[in-house]
Amino acid sequence: MWKKTTLRNYFLAAIIVNLLAGLFIILLRDHLPPLVPLFYGRPAGEAQLTNTFGLLVAPGVSLLITIINLLLSPWVHDDFQKKILAVSAVFITVLAAITVIKIVLLVGFF
């Protein structure tokens, strides 16, 4: 299946970036406060906060979407749709990584 996947390097890059973002959070947990802001759509205050490991939600969801797109890719017959699945996985991964990096730089103690 992996050999037949269109743009498999895009999927591989997305998976690697998601795992690196998760590792980044785990390695920097000592430099982060116990509560960090993540849920900016909620009302201001404690509703926006999560514990440090709650930051793993962003790369986790991104990794889940990447895996779903990877599993859907062999079922899609149109090359354009296969490319859309691969590029959207990379795009979502980049946005999740940017979110994690910005939050860590905002609240981290360095």
Protein backbone atom coordinates (compact mmCIF):
# COMPACT_ATOMS: atom_id res chain seq x y z
CA MET A 1 0.00 0.00 0.00
CA TRP A 2 2.78 2.45 0.91
CA LYS A 3 4.52 2.04 -2.46
CA LYS A 4 1.30 2.80 -4.36
CA THR A 5 0.41 5.91 -2.34
CA THR A 6 0.48 9.13 -4.34
CA LEU A 7 2.78 11.78 -2.82
CA ARG A 8 3.82 9.44 -0.02
CA ASN A 9 6.69 11.77 0.89
CA TYR A 10 4.12 14.45 1.82
CA PHE A 11 2.40 12.04 4.18
CA LEU A 12 5.73 10.95 5.62
CA ALA A 13 6.78 14.58 6.20
CA ALA A 14 3.46 15.33 7.89
CA ILE A 15 3.80 12.33 10.21
CA ILE A 16 7.38 13.24 11.11
CA VAL A 17 6.51 16.89 11.84
CA ASN A 18 3.58 15.81 14.05
CA LEU A 19 5.78 13.43 16.02
CA LEU A 20 8.48 16.10 16.37
CA ALA A 21 5.89 18.61 17.63
CA GLY A 22 4.75 16.11 20.24
CA LEU A 23 8.33 15.40 21.24
CA PHE A 24 8.97 19.17 21.40
CA ILE A 25 6.12 19.54 23.91
CA ILE A 26 7.29 16.61 26.02
CA LEU A 27 10.90 17.83 26.12
CA LEU A 28 9.94 21.40 27.02
CA ARG A 29 7.35 20.54 29.68
CA ASP A 30 9.73 21.66 32.45
CA HIS A 31 9.93 25.12 30.89
CA LEU A 32 6.16 25.53 30.63
CA PRO A 33 3.71 26.55 33.36
CA PRO A 34 1.26 23.91 34.66
CA LEU A 35 -1.62 25.56 32.77
CA VAL A 36 -1.26 26.89 29.22
CA PRO A 37 -3.77 28.59 26.91
CA LEU A 38 -5.03 26.45 24.04
CA PHE A 39 -8.76 26.86 23.58
CA TYR A 40 -8.94 30.43 22.30
CA GLY A 41 -12.52 30.01 21.07
CA ARG A 42 -13.82 29.77 24.63
CA PRO A 43 -14.57 32.74 26.89
CA ALA A 44 -11.53 34.45 28.40
CA GLY A 45 -10.29 32.97 31.63
CA GLU A 46 -9.90 29.46 32.93
CA ALA A 47 -11.99 27.98 30.13
CA GLN A 48 -9.11 28.60 27.71
CA LEU A 49 -6.53 26.80 29.83
CA THR A 50 -5.36 23.22 29.74
CA ASN A 51 -2.52 21.37 31.42
CA THR A 52 0.85 21.20 29.71
CA PHE A 53 0.15 17.82 28.13
CA GLY A 54 -3.08 19.26 26.71
CA LEU A 55 -0.87 20.86 24.08
CA LEU A 56 -0.53 17.38 22.61
CA VAL A 57 -4.09 17.76 21.31
CA ALA A 58 -2.98 19.85 18.32
CA PRO A 59 -0.33 17.47 16.92
CA GLY A 60 -2.49 14.48 17.93
CA VAL A 61 -5.50 15.64 15.95
CA SER A 62 -3.25 16.60 13.08
CA LEU A 63 -1.65 13.15 13.12
CA LEU A 64 -5.10 11.55 13.19
CA ILE A 65 -6.21 13.57 10.16
CA THR A 66 -2.98 12.68 8.35
CA ILE A 67 -3.50 8.97 8.99
CA ILE A 68 -7.13 9.16 7.87
CA ASN A 69 -6.07 10.92 4.66
CA LEU A 70 -3.36 8.31 4.13
CA LEU A 71 -5.87 5.49 4.55
CA LEU A 72 -8.40 7.20 2.24
CA SER A 73 -5.85 7.81 -0.50
CA PRO A 74 -5.88 4.27 -2.01
CA TRP A 75 -9.71 4.35 -2.17
CA VAL A 76 -9.79 7.57 -4.19
CA HIS A 77 -9.39 7.07 -7.93
CA ASP A 78 -8.87 10.65 -9.08
CA ASP A 79 -5.25 11.86 -8.94
CA PHE A 80 -6.32 15.42 -8.12
CA GLN A 81 -8.24 14.23 -5.06
CA LYS A 82 -5.25 12.16 -3.94
CA LYS A 83 -3.09 15.26 -4.17
CA ILE A 84 -5.67 17.24 -2.20
CA LEU A 85 -5.55 14.62 0.59
CA ALA A 86 -1.75 14.77 0.74
CA VAL A 87 -1.46 18.55 0.61
CA SER A 88 -4.23 19.05 3.16
CA ALA A 89 -2.43 16.71 5.56
CA VAL A 90 0.74 18.80 5.21
CA PHE A 91 -1.20 22.05 5.56
CA ILE A 92 -2.98 20.95 8.74
CA THR A 93 0.30 19.68 10.15
CA VAL A 94 2.04 22.99 9.52
CA LEU A 95 -0.80 24.92 11.15
CA ALA A 96 -0.76 22.64 14.20
CA ALA A 97 3.03 22.95 14.51
CA ILE A 98 2.83 26.75 14.26
CA THR A 99 0.14 26.77 16.95
CA VAL A 100 2.25 24.70 19.33
CA ILE A 101 5.40 26.75 18.69
CA LYS A 102 3.60 30.06 19.22
CA ILE A 103 2.01 28.90 22.49
CA VAL A 104 5.33 27.57 23.79
CA LEU A 105 7.10 30.80 22.90
CA LEU A 106 4.27 32.83 24.47
CA VAL A 107 4.19 31.15 27.88
CA GLY A 108 7.53 29.33 28.10
CA PHE A 109 10.19 30.23 30.66
CA PHE A 110 13.46 30.42 28.77
